[in-house]
Amino acid sequence: MRRLDETLMAMNLQTWLEYLWGWLMRSDIEKIFYEGDHPICQKWAHYFEIYEENFSFIRGRACTFMEIGVSQGGSVSMWKQYFGPQARIIGVDINPDATRFADDQVEIVIGDQEDIEFLRNIASQYGPFDAVLDDGGHTMIQQINTFKEIYPFVKEGGAYLCEDVHTSYHAEFGGGLMRSDSFIEFMKAAIDDLHSWYHAPAVQENSLARTTKSICFYDSIVALRKKAFSGPQYVEAGR
């Protein structure tokens, strides 16, 4: 019995230590998500590391961040806490009830992200953006239209993330494995655009190649970073 009690105590201590270590290793965005005072927010657990990689550069300074998809309001509140008081948060949603989450730092815009004219209006009115997160309706036409209209308004050095892109494999969102009009296939083509300098013949006027530093594919997220690029230059040094 004594040996069993000692084993249970050791297990409880180990469990407690594992919990403590897990808490200490949480990123700032995870701590805000799990412990912060905000409305309901739902995320895939592996997204937080991706957020830190792509959004941490604008923390604590004046910036404009736009999230498409307000839902129950938890996400825009989380971003407000994460980026700090100098950030301007733009939330976009199709549901007029989302306006209740607006405050002195969060602006809510109501409209359909499938609508190209609506996207152009918010880009011209609220852009340019330091970072954009598309967490909207997740249909193929919504994701593609939003990227086409909003990405050009991301600032130099900025970030554009589209999440939940696993819907590219779901028929109910207009997707399907290797379906030509899915967002994933659209972004695969963007990889070719990024390398347009090497096409035969070279495509010198490709705007994505001239404005994009990188395209990263994660599980369910595609992330792009902006940087002006005039073309590859081959250099040699040494003897």
C-alpha atoms as a PDB file:
ATOM      1  CA  MET A   1       0.000   0.000   0.000  1.00  0.00           C
ATOM      2  CA  ARG A   2       2.839   2.386   0.897  1.00  0.00           C
ATOM      3  CA  ARG A   3       4.545   1.718  -2.428  1.00  0.00           C
ATOM      4  CA  LEU A   4       1.239   2.420  -4.265  1.00  0.00           C
ATOM      5  CA  ASP A   5       0.812   5.708  -2.397  1.00  0.00           C
ATOM      6  CA  GLU A   6       4.351   6.725  -3.287  1.00  0.00           C
ATOM      7  CA  THR A   7       3.701   5.872  -6.944  1.00  0.00           C
ATOM      8  CA  LEU A   8       0.510   7.940  -7.002  1.00  0.00           C
ATOM      9  CA  MET A   9       2.254  10.888  -5.353  1.00  0.00           C
ATOM     10  CA  ALA A  10       5.076  10.668  -7.892  1.00  0.00           C
ATOM     11  CA  MET A  11       2.588  10.544 -10.762  1.00  0.00           C
ATOM     12  CA  ASN A  12       0.707  13.544  -9.416  1.00  0.00           C
ATOM     13  CA  LEU A  13       3.947  15.469  -9.063  1.00  0.00           C
ATOM     14  CA  GLN A  14       5.015  14.496 -12.573  1.00  0.00           C
ATOM     15  CA  THR A  15       1.649  15.542 -13.977  1.00  0.00           C
ATOM     16  CA  TRP A  16       1.856  18.832 -12.121  1.00  0.00           C
ATOM     17  CA  LEU A  17       5.393  19.469 -13.363  1.00  0.00           C
ATOM     18  CA  GLU A  18       4.383  18.662 -16.921  1.00  0.00           C
ATOM     19  CA  TYR A  19       1.504  21.114 -16.634  1.00  0.00           C
ATOM     20  CA  LEU A  20       3.793  23.798 -15.195  1.00  0.00           C
ATOM     21  CA  TRP A  21       6.367  23.245 -17.917  1.00  0.00           C
ATOM     22  CA  GLY A  22       3.672  23.384 -20.576  1.00  0.00           C
ATOM     23  CA  TRP A  23       2.402  26.655 -19.147  1.00  0.00           C
ATOM     24  CA  LEU A  24       5.889  28.163 -19.019  1.00  0.00           C
ATOM     25  CA  MET A  25       6.517  27.148 -22.630  1.00  0.00           C
ATOM     26  CA  ARG A  26       3.309  28.708 -23.916  1.00  0.00           C
ATOM     27  CA  SER A  27       3.762  31.624 -26.287  1.00  0.00           C
ATOM     28  CA  ASP A  28       2.245  34.990 -25.454  1.00  0.00           C
ATOM     29  CA  ILE A  29      -0.597  34.459 -27.903  1.00  0.00           C
ATOM     30  CA  GLU A  30      -1.399  31.090 -26.305  1.00  0.00           C
ATOM     31  CA  LYS A  31      -1.477  32.617 -22.830  1.00  0.00           C
ATOM     32  CA  ILE A  32      -3.880  35.302 -24.040  1.00  0.00           C
ATOM     33  CA  PHE A  33      -6.044  32.671 -25.735  1.00  0.00           C
ATOM     34  CA  TYR A  34      -6.238  30.308 -22.765  1.00  0.00           C
ATOM     35  CA  GLU A  35      -6.117  32.784 -19.891  1.00  0.00           C
ATOM     36  CA  GLY A  36      -7.155  36.172 -21.290  1.00  0.00           C
ATOM     37  CA  ASP A  37     -10.461  37.906 -20.738  1.00  0.00           C
ATOM     38  CA  HIS A  38     -12.193  37.652 -24.107  1.00  0.00           C
ATOM     39  CA  PRO A  39     -15.374  36.239 -25.691  1.00  0.00           C
ATOM     40  CA  ILE A  40     -15.436  32.720 -27.115  1.00  0.00           C
ATOM     41  CA  CYS A  41     -12.622  32.024 -29.583  1.00  0.00           C
ATOM     42  CA  GLN A  42     -11.906  28.780 -31.406  1.00  0.00           C
ATOM     43  CA  LYS A  43      -8.556  27.901 -32.993  1.00  0.00           C
ATOM     44  CA  TRP A  44      -6.544  24.850 -33.988  1.00  0.00           C
ATOM     45  CA  ALA A  45      -3.815  24.430 -31.375  1.00  0.00           C
ATOM     46  CA  HIS A  46      -0.938  24.368 -33.881  1.00  0.00           C
ATOM     47  CA  TYR A  47      -1.899  27.794 -35.269  1.00  0.00           C
ATOM     48  CA  PHE A  48      -0.386  29.741 -32.367  1.00  0.00           C
ATOM     49  CA  GLU A  49       3.207  29.011 -33.328  1.00  0.00           C
ATOM     50  CA  ILE A  50       2.433  30.108 -36.889  1.00  0.00           C
ATOM     51  CA  TYR A  51       0.882  33.329 -35.616  1.00  0.00           C
ATOM     52  CA  GLU A  52       3.990  34.072 -33.553  1.00  0.00           C
ATOM     53  CA  GLU A  53       6.239  33.458 -36.561  1.00  0.00           C
ATOM     54  CA  ASN A  54       4.302  35.782 -38.833  1.00  0.00           C
ATOM     55  CA  PHE A  55       2.678  38.437 -36.635  1.00  0.00           C
ATOM     56  CA  SER A  56       5.069  39.098 -33.750  1.00  0.00           C
ATOM     57  CA  PHE A  57       6.965  41.728 -35.768  1.00  0.00           C
ATOM     58  CA  ILE A  58       4.144  44.289 -35.345  1.00  0.00           C
ATOM     59  CA  ARG A  59       3.582  43.817 -31.615  1.00  0.00           C
ATOM     60  CA  GLY A  60       3.805  46.907 -29.460  1.00  0.00           C
ATOM     61  CA  ARG A  61       3.817  49.463 -32.255  1.00  0.00           C
ATOM     62  CA  ALA A  62       1.367  51.402 -34.363  1.00  0.00           C
ATOM     63  CA  CYS A  63      -0.011  49.034 -37.001  1.00  0.00           C
ATOM     64  CA  THR A  64      -3.137  48.104 -38.906  1.00  0.00           C
ATOM     65  CA  PHE A  65      -4.251  44.493 -38.615  1.00  0.00           C
ATOM     66  CA  MET A  66      -7.289  43.115 -40.408  1.00  0.00           C
ATOM     67  CA  GLU A  67      -9.027  39.847 -39.610  1.00  0.00           C
ATOM     68  CA  ILE A  68     -11.778  38.575 -41.875  1.00  0.00           C
ATOM     69  CA  GLY A  69     -14.199  36.528 -39.795  1.00  0.00           C
ATOM     70  CA  VAL A  70     -15.284  37.988 -36.442  1.00  0.00           C
ATOM     71  CA  SER A  71     -17.648  35.196 -35.385  1.00  0.00           C
ATOM     72  CA  GLN A  72     -18.229  35.413 -31.612  1.00  0.00           C
ATOM     73  CA  GLY A  73     -15.755  38.231 -31.088  1.00  0.00           C
ATOM     74  CA  GLY A  74     -13.074  36.343 -29.209  1.00  0.00           C
ATOM     75  CA  SER A  75     -10.471  36.566 -31.941  1.00  0.00           C
ATOM     76  CA  VAL A  76     -10.467  40.349 -32.441  1.00  0.00           C
ATOM     77  CA  SER A  77     -10.311  40.746 -28.668  1.00  0.00           C
ATOM     78  CA  MET A  78      -7.370  38.350 -28.533  1.00  0.00           C
ATOM     79  CA  TRP A  79      -5.530  40.281 -31.227  1.00  0.00           C
ATOM     80  CA  LYS A  80      -6.193  43.546 -29.433  1.00  0.00           C
ATOM     81  CA  GLN A  81      -4.508  42.179 -26.317  1.00  0.00           C
ATOM     82  CA  TYR A  82      -1.684  40.614 -28.302  1.00  0.00           C
ATOM     83  CA  PHE A  83      -0.733  43.587 -30.473  1.00  0.00           C
ATOM     84  CA  GLY A  84      -1.172  46.240 -27.815  1.00  0.00           C
ATOM     85  CA  PRO A  85      -2.900  49.625 -27.498  1.00  0.00           C
ATOM     86  CA  GLN A  86      -1.265  51.193 -30.560  1.00  0.00           C
ATOM     87  CA  ALA A  87      -2.745  48.634 -32.956  1.00  0.00           C
ATOM     88  CA  ARG A  88      -5.720  49.389 -35.143  1.00  0.00           C
ATOM     89  CA  ILE A  89      -7.837  46.246 -35.478  1.00  0.00           C
ATOM     90  CA  ILE A  90     -10.215  45.872 -38.430  1.00  0.00           C
ATOM     91  CA  GLY A  91     -12.712  43.030 -38.159  1.00  0.00           C
ATOM     92  CA  VAL A  92     -14.754  41.990 -41.200  1.00  0.00           C
ATOM     93  CA  ASP A  93     -17.848  39.808 -41.010  1.00  0.00           C
ATOM     94  CA  ILE A  94     -21.030  39.144 -42.957  1.00  0.00           C
ATOM     95  CA  ASN A  95     -23.191  39.084 -39.800  1.00  0.00           C
ATOM     96  CA  PRO A  96     -24.423  42.548 -38.710  1.00  0.00           C
ATOM     97  CA  ASP A  97     -24.447  41.354 -35.076  1.00  0.00           C
ATOM     98  CA  ALA A  98     -20.650  41.471 -35.169  1.00  0.00           C
ATOM     99  CA  THR A  99     -20.765  45.265 -34.791  1.00  0.00           C
ATOM    100  CA  ARG A 100     -21.294  44.775 -31.040  1.00  0.00           C
ATOM    101  CA  PHE A 101     -17.612  43.891 -30.757  1.00  0.00           C
ATOM    102  CA  ALA A 102     -16.485  47.315 -31.964  1.00  0.00           C
ATOM    103  CA  ASP A 103     -14.777  49.659 -29.513  1.00  0.00           C
ATOM    104  CA  ASP A 104     -12.254  52.492 -29.506  1.00  0.00           C
ATOM    105  CA  GLN A 105      -9.584  50.199 -30.942  1.00  0.00           C
ATOM    106  CA  VAL A 106     -11.595  47.667 -32.952  1.00  0.00           C
ATOM    107  CA  GLU A 107     -13.524  48.656 -36.078  1.00  0.00           C
ATOM    108  CA  ILE A 108     -16.090  46.223 -37.475  1.00  0.00           C
ATOM    109  CA  VAL A 109     -16.994  46.243 -41.169  1.00  0.00           C
ATOM    110  CA  ILE A 110     -20.003  44.298 -42.418  1.00  0.00           C
ATOM    111  CA  GLY A 111     -20.015  42.726 -45.861  1.00  0.00           C
ATOM    112  CA  ASP A 112     -19.500  39.604 -47.965  1.00  0.00           C
ATOM    113  CA  GLN A 113     -15.866  38.744 -48.676  1.00  0.00           C
ATOM    114  CA  GLU A 114     -16.986  37.021 -51.863  1.00  0.00           C
ATOM    115  CA  ASP A 115     -18.027  40.437 -53.198  1.00  0.00           C
ATOM    116  CA  ILE A 116     -15.117  41.940 -55.130  1.00  0.00           C
ATOM    117  CA  GLU A 117     -16.470  45.496 -54.888  1.00  0.00           C
ATOM    118  CA  PHE A 118     -16.817  45.172 -51.112  1.00  0.00           C
ATOM    119  CA  LEU A 119     -13.227  43.935 -50.859  1.00  0.00           C
ATOM    120  CA  ARG A 120     -11.978  46.822 -52.969  1.00  0.00           C
ATOM    121  CA  ASN A 121     -13.843  49.290 -50.787  1.00  0.00           C
ATOM    122  CA  ILE A 122     -12.361  48.005 -47.518  1.00  0.00           C
ATOM    123  CA  ALA A 123      -8.898  47.864 -49.090  1.00  0.00           C
ATOM    124  CA  SER A 124      -9.063  51.498 -50.189  1.00  0.00           C
ATOM    125  CA  GLN A 125     -10.754  52.706 -46.996  1.00  0.00           C
ATOM    126  CA  TYR A 126      -8.766  50.819 -44.345  1.00  0.00           C
ATOM    127  CA  GLY A 127      -5.540  49.820 -46.074  1.00  0.00           C
ATOM    128  CA  PRO A 128      -2.670  49.545 -46.373  1.00  0.00           C
ATOM    129  CA  PHE A 129      -2.314  46.741 -43.829  1.00  0.00           C
ATOM    130  CA  ASP A 130       0.652  45.576 -41.806  1.00  0.00           C
ATOM    131  CA  ALA A 131      -0.900  42.121 -41.523  1.00  0.00           C
ATOM    132  CA  VAL A 132      -4.043  40.344 -42.700  1.00  0.00           C
ATOM    133  CA  LEU A 133      -5.656  37.125 -41.495  1.00  0.00           C
ATOM    134  CA  ASP A 134      -8.365  35.509 -43.617  1.00  0.00           C
ATOM    135  CA  ASP A 135     -10.458  33.421 -41.234  1.00  0.00           C
ATOM    136  CA  GLY A 136     -13.729  34.067 -43.020  1.00  0.00           C
ATOM    137  CA  GLY A 137     -16.155  31.756 -44.778  1.00  0.00           C
ATOM    138  CA  HIS A 138     -13.419  29.418 -46.110  1.00  0.00           C
ATOM    139  CA  THR A 139     -15.029  28.812 -49.499  1.00  0.00           C
ATOM    140  CA  MET A 140     -12.761  28.731 -52.521  1.00  0.00           C
ATOM    141  CA  ILE A 141     -14.180  31.841 -54.150  1.00  0.00           C
ATOM    142  CA  GLN A 142     -14.015  33.761 -50.859  1.00  0.00           C
ATOM    143  CA  GLN A 143     -10.389  32.865 -50.226  1.00  0.00           C
ATOM    144  CA  ILE A 144      -9.272  33.509 -53.805  1.00  0.00           C
ATOM    145  CA  ASN A 145     -11.176  36.787 -54.240  1.00  0.00           C
ATOM    146  CA  THR A 146      -9.929  38.054 -50.888  1.00  0.00           C
ATOM    147  CA  PHE A 147      -6.326  37.257 -51.718  1.00  0.00           C
ATOM    148  CA  LYS A 148      -6.515  38.894 -55.140  1.00  0.00           C
ATOM    149  CA  GLU A 149      -8.034  42.114 -53.836  1.00  0.00           C
ATOM    150  CA  ILE A 150      -6.381  42.474 -50.425  1.00  0.00           C
ATOM    151  CA  TYR A 151      -2.836  41.161 -50.862  1.00  0.00           C
ATOM    152  CA  PRO A 152      -1.757  44.138 -53.012  1.00  0.00           C
ATOM    153  CA  PHE A 153      -2.648  46.362 -50.039  1.00  0.00           C
ATOM    154  CA  VAL A 154      -0.325  44.599 -47.601  1.00  0.00           C
ATOM    155  CA  LYS A 155       2.606  46.866 -46.723  1.00  0.00           C
ATOM    156  CA  GLU A 156       6.240  46.227 -47.519  1.00  0.00           C
ATOM    157  CA  GLY A 157       7.488  43.752 -44.906  1.00  0.00           C
ATOM    158  CA  GLY A 158       3.922  42.789 -44.005  1.00  0.00           C
ATOM    159  CA  ALA A 159       2.220  39.406 -43.714  1.00  0.00           C
ATOM    160  CA  TYR A 160      -0.864  37.806 -45.266  1.00  0.00           C
ATOM    161  CA  LEU A 161      -2.245  34.572 -43.785  1.00  0.00           C
ATOM    162  CA  CYS A 162      -5.161  32.493 -44.989  1.00  0.00           C
ATOM    163  CA  GLU A 163      -6.138  29.836 -42.496  1.00  0.00           C
ATOM    164  CA  ASP A 164      -8.297  26.714 -42.548  1.00  0.00           C
ATOM    165  CA  VAL A 165      -7.181  26.050 -46.107  1.00  0.00           C
ATOM    166  CA  HIS A 166      -7.920  22.354 -45.542  1.00  0.00           C
ATOM    167  CA  THR A 167     -11.357  23.324 -46.907  1.00  0.00           C
ATOM    168  CA  SER A 168      -9.645  23.071 -50.299  1.00  0.00           C
ATOM    169  CA  TYR A 169     -10.188  19.320 -49.899  1.00  0.00           C
ATOM    170  CA  HIS A 170     -13.862  19.571 -48.855  1.00  0.00           C
ATOM    171  CA  ALA A 171     -16.573  19.524 -51.504  1.00  0.00           C
ATOM    172  CA  GLU A 172     -19.009  21.551 -49.389  1.00  0.00           C
ATOM    173  CA  PHE A 173     -16.618  24.520 -49.609  1.00  0.00           C
ATOM    174  CA  GLY A 174     -16.067  24.107 -53.338  1.00  0.00           C
ATOM    175  CA  GLY A 175     -12.859  22.144 -52.876  1.00  0.00           C
ATOM    176  CA  GLY A 176     -11.599  18.681 -53.715  1.00  0.00           C
ATOM    177  CA  LEU A 177      -8.217  16.971 -53.982  1.00  0.00           C
ATOM    178  CA  MET A 178      -6.294  18.604 -56.861  1.00  0.00           C
ATOM    179  CA  ARG A 179      -9.408  20.444 -57.977  1.00  0.00           C
ATOM    180  CA  SER A 180      -8.128  23.172 -60.290  1.00  0.00           C
ATOM    181  CA  ASP A 181     -10.199  25.998 -58.770  1.00  0.00           C
ATOM    182  CA  SER A 182      -9.355  25.300 -55.112  1.00  0.00           C
ATOM    183  CA  PHE A 183      -7.375  27.804 -53.056  1.00  0.00           C
ATOM    184  CA  ILE A 184      -4.540  25.316 -52.540  1.00  0.00           C
ATOM    185  CA  GLU A 185      -4.152  24.812 -56.298  1.00  0.00           C
ATOM    186  CA  PHE A 186      -4.362  28.578 -56.754  1.00  0.00           C
ATOM    187  CA  MET A 187      -1.486  29.031 -54.313  1.00  0.00           C
ATOM    188  CA  LYS A 188       0.513  26.222 -55.916  1.00  0.00           C
ATOM    189  CA  ALA A 189       0.359  28.293 -59.101  1.00  0.00           C
ATOM    190  CA  ALA A 190       1.588  31.263 -57.045  1.00  0.00           C
ATOM    191  CA  ILE A 191       4.795  29.308 -56.423  1.00  0.00           C
ATOM    192  CA  ASP A 192       5.359  29.294 -60.182  1.00  0.00           C
ATOM    193  CA  ASP A 193       4.643  33.041 -60.237  1.00  0.00           C
ATOM    194  CA  LEU A 194       7.243  33.568 -57.505  1.00  0.00           C
ATOM    195  CA  HIS A 195       9.791  31.908 -59.802  1.00  0.00           C
ATOM    196  CA  SER A 196       8.710  33.693 -62.974  1.00  0.00           C
ATOM    197  CA  TRP A 197      12.264  35.042 -63.402  1.00  0.00           C
ATOM    198  CA  TYR A 198      13.327  31.553 -64.422  1.00  0.00           C
ATOM    199  CA  HIS A 199      10.513  30.780 -66.838  1.00  0.00           C
ATOM    200  CA  ALA A 200      11.429  30.266 -70.461  1.00  0.00           C
ATOM    201  CA  PRO A 201      10.885  32.907 -71.601  1.00  0.00           C
ATOM    202  CA  ALA A 202      11.140  34.850 -68.334  1.00  0.00           C
ATOM    203  CA  VAL A 203       8.044  36.767 -67.211  1.00  0.00           C
ATOM    204  CA  GLN A 204       9.562  40.065 -66.115  1.00  0.00           C
ATOM    205  CA  GLU A 205       6.329  41.816 -65.134  1.00  0.00           C
ATOM    206  CA  ASN A 206       4.953  39.294 -62.647  1.00  0.00           C
ATOM    207  CA  SER A 207       3.722  41.432 -59.747  1.00  0.00           C
ATOM    208  CA  LEU A 208       3.823  38.626 -57.182  1.00  0.00           C
ATOM    209  CA  ALA A 209       7.479  37.885 -57.922  1.00  0.00           C
ATOM    210  CA  ARG A 210       8.317  41.574 -57.578  1.00  0.00           C
ATOM    211  CA  THR A 211       6.529  42.017 -54.240  1.00  0.00           C
ATOM    212  CA  THR A 212       6.800  38.707 -52.381  1.00  0.00           C
ATOM    213  CA  LYS A 213       9.606  37.427 -50.205  1.00  0.00           C
ATOM    214  CA  SER A 214       8.146  34.021 -49.374  1.00  0.00           C
ATOM    215  CA  ILE A 215       5.155  31.705 -49.561  1.00  0.00           C
ATOM    216  CA  CYS A 216       4.972  29.223 -46.689  1.00  0.00           C
ATOM    217  CA  PHE A 217       2.639  26.245 -46.532  1.00  0.00           C
ATOM    218  CA  TYR A 218       1.756  24.985 -43.061  1.00  0.00           C
ATOM    219  CA  ASP A 219      -0.902  22.499 -42.033  1.00  0.00           C
ATOM    220  CA  SER A 220      -4.091  24.400 -42.944  1.00  0.00           C
ATOM    221  CA  ILE A 221      -2.405  27.818 -43.329  1.00  0.00           C
ATOM    222  CA  VAL A 222      -0.735  29.565 -46.246  1.00  0.00           C
ATOM    223  CA  ALA A 223       1.403  32.568 -45.262  1.00  0.00           C
ATOM    224  CA  LEU A 224       2.991  35.167 -47.528  1.00  0.00           C
ATOM    225  CA  ARG A 225       5.500  37.859 -46.571  1.00  0.00           C
ATOM    226  CA  LYS A 226       5.927  41.028 -48.596  1.00  0.00           C
ATOM    227  CA  LYS A 227       9.253  42.408 -49.808  1.00  0.00           C
ATOM    228  CA  ALA A 228      10.151  44.302 -52.947  1.00  0.00           C
ATOM    229  CA  PHE A 229      12.412  42.296 -55.271  1.00  0.00           C
ATOM    230  CA  SER A 230      13.849  43.491 -58.567  1.00  0.00           C
ATOM    231  CA  GLY A 231      15.088  40.094 -59.656  1.00  0.00           C
ATOM    232  CA  PRO A 232      17.779  37.539 -58.838  1.00  0.00           C
ATOM    233  CA  GLN A 233      21.408  38.597 -59.107  1.00  0.00           C
ATOM    234  CA  TYR A 234      24.161  36.031 -59.421  1.00  0.00           C
ATOM    235  CA  VAL A 235      27.281  37.068 -57.510  1.00  0.00           C
ATOM    236  CA  GLU A 236      30.707  35.574 -57.049  1.00  0.00           C
ATOM    237  CA  ALA A 237      33.477  36.277 -54.555  1.00  0.00           C
ATOM    238  CA  GLY A 238      36.710  34.729 -53.400  1.00  0.00           C
ATOM    239  CA  ARG A 239      39.666  33.311 -55.294  1.00  0.00           C
END
